[in-house]
Amino acid sequence: MPAYPASHHQTEPHTPTDAPELNRTVWDRASARLLAKMLGEFAYEEVIEPLPRTGDGAGPSGDYAVRLDDGATLVFRARRGVYGGWRVDPATIREVTGEGLGDRAEDGAPFRDPLRFLARGRGLLGLDGATLAHLIRELTATLAADAR
C-alpha cells in the first residue's frame, strides 16, 4: 500500500493532531467564552448561586463569587437581565484562593478553563462520575469546534 505524504515536502513530518488554527490564544478565548456561558446558565437554572461580593447586594451589574469544592473561589463580573438571565464577562473570571474573596476585581489569577471548572465544582454542580466524563467529552468537542 503506498504511503501518501501529508504535504508535498517529504521532509515535513505530519502529525494527525496538528491543527494550526488551534493555537493557545484562540483556545483561551473560546474557553473563557464557554466558561462564562456555563456560569451564566448554571446561575440562571439555579444550579449554582453566585454570591454578590459587595455589601449592597446583587444589583443589575456587579461582582459575584462561587466557591468550588476544593475551597477556591471563582469571582467574576456579571449583569442580570430583565428576565433573570446572567451575562458573565469572560475577561473578569478569576480564581481567588484562601479565606477572602478579594476586594478588587483584579485580585486572583485569571481562570478560563471550563473543563477544570466542572472537575473542581463536581459536588457544587451535583455531577456523578459518568455525567462528568460525558460533559468533559462533549465540551472538549464544543471547544475544538468553537476555536476553529
Foldseek 3Di string as FASTA:
>chain_A
DDDDAPDPDPVDDDDPPDDPLPDPVLLLVLLLVVQQVVVQVCCQVVLFPWWFPDPVGDDQKGKTWGAWQVGKIWIFIWGADPVGTIGTDSVQTFIHHDDDPDDDSPPHHRDRHNLVRCVRRVVSNVHDPVRNVVVSVVVVVVSVVSSD
